[in-house]
C-alpha atoms as a PDB file:
ATOM      1  CA  UNK A   1      71.655 -61.382   9.499  1.00  0.00           C
ATOM      2  CA  UNK A   2      73.106 -58.557  11.526  1.00  0.00           C
ATOM      3  CA  UNK A   3      75.655 -59.261  14.204  1.00  0.00           C
ATOM      4  CA  UNK A   4      74.319 -58.956  17.775  1.00  0.00           C
ATOM      5  CA  UNK A   5      76.302 -55.784  18.698  1.00  0.00           C
ATOM      6  CA  UNK A   6      75.075 -53.998  15.583  1.00  0.00           C
ATOM      7  CA  UNK A   7      71.523 -55.108  16.329  1.00  0.00           C
ATOM      8  CA  UNK A   8      71.884 -53.691  19.833  1.00  0.00           C
ATOM      9  CA  UNK A   9      73.081 -50.364  18.415  1.00  0.00           C
ATOM     10  CA  UNK A  10      70.135 -50.227  16.018  1.00  0.00           C
ATOM     11  CA  UNK A  11      67.721 -50.922  18.863  1.00  0.00           C
ATOM     12  CA  UNK A  12      69.320 -48.091  20.838  1.00  0.00           C
ATOM     13  CA  UNK A  13      68.996 -45.783  17.824  1.00  0.00           C
ATOM     14  CA  UNK A  14      65.311 -46.659  17.477  1.00  0.00           C
ATOM     15  CA  UNK A  15      64.802 -46.081  21.197  1.00  0.00           C
ATOM     16  CA  UNK A  16      66.493 -42.667  21.080  1.00  0.00           C
ATOM     17  CA  UNK A  17      64.499 -41.680  17.997  1.00  0.00           C
ATOM     18  CA  UNK A  18      61.307 -42.669  19.805  1.00  0.00           C
ATOM     19  CA  UNK A  19      62.264 -40.710  22.927  1.00  0.00           C
ATOM     20  CA  UNK A  20      63.158 -37.675  20.821  1.00  0.00           C
ATOM     21  CA  UNK A  21      59.897 -37.816  18.891  1.00  0.00           C
ATOM     22  CA  UNK A  22      57.770 -38.105  22.033  1.00  0.00           C
ATOM     23  CA  UNK A  23      59.589 -35.223  23.742  1.00  0.00           C
ATOM     24  CA  UNK A  24      59.171 -33.053  20.633  1.00  0.00           C
ATOM     25  CA  UNK A  25      55.452 -33.881  20.551  1.00  0.00           C
ATOM     26  CA  UNK A  26      55.101 -32.988  24.233  1.00  0.00           C
ATOM     27  CA  UNK A  27      56.967 -29.731  23.588  1.00  0.00           C
ATOM     28  CA  UNK A  28      54.659 -28.847  20.693  1.00  0.00           C
ATOM     29  CA  UNK A  29      51.623 -29.682  22.809  1.00  0.00           C
ATOM     30  CA  UNK A  30      53.026 -27.510  25.607  1.00  0.00           C
ATOM     31  CA  UNK A  31      53.433 -24.590  23.186  1.00  0.00           C
ATOM     32  CA  UNK A  32      50.236 -25.206  21.244  1.00  0.00           C
ATOM     33  CA  UNK A  33      47.773 -25.002  24.148  1.00  0.00           C
ATOM     34  CA  UNK A  34      48.583 -21.382  25.228  1.00  0.00           C
ATOM     35  CA  UNK A  35      48.718 -20.204  21.602  1.00  0.00           C
ATOM     36  CA  UNK A  36      45.391 -21.857  20.895  1.00  0.00           C
ATOM     37  CA  UNK A  37      43.715 -20.306  23.948  1.00  0.00           C
ATOM     38  CA  UNK A  38      45.059 -16.849  23.073  1.00  0.00           C
ATOM     39  CA  UNK A  39      43.962 -17.294  19.467  1.00  0.00           C
ATOM     40  CA  UNK A  40      40.442 -18.393  20.430  1.00  0.00           C
ATOM     41  CA  UNK A  41      40.154 -15.482  22.870  1.00  0.00           C
ATOM     42  CA  UNK A  42      41.312 -13.141  20.119  1.00  0.00           C
ATOM     43  CA  UNK A  43      38.692 -14.539  17.736  1.00  0.00           C
ATOM     44  CA  UNK A  44      35.877 -14.292  20.284  1.00  0.00           C
ATOM     45  CA  UNK A  45      36.466 -10.555  20.843  1.00  0.00           C
END
């Protein structure tokens, strides 16, 4: 078994990884929507 402090650190690491992943996904979504609209407009011409 892990000691409680180490377990706490691992939980924090998991939490930060989760936060980082969600922010990266939001950032990609934020970038993807304008690119996609421009691309679809370009294709429809």
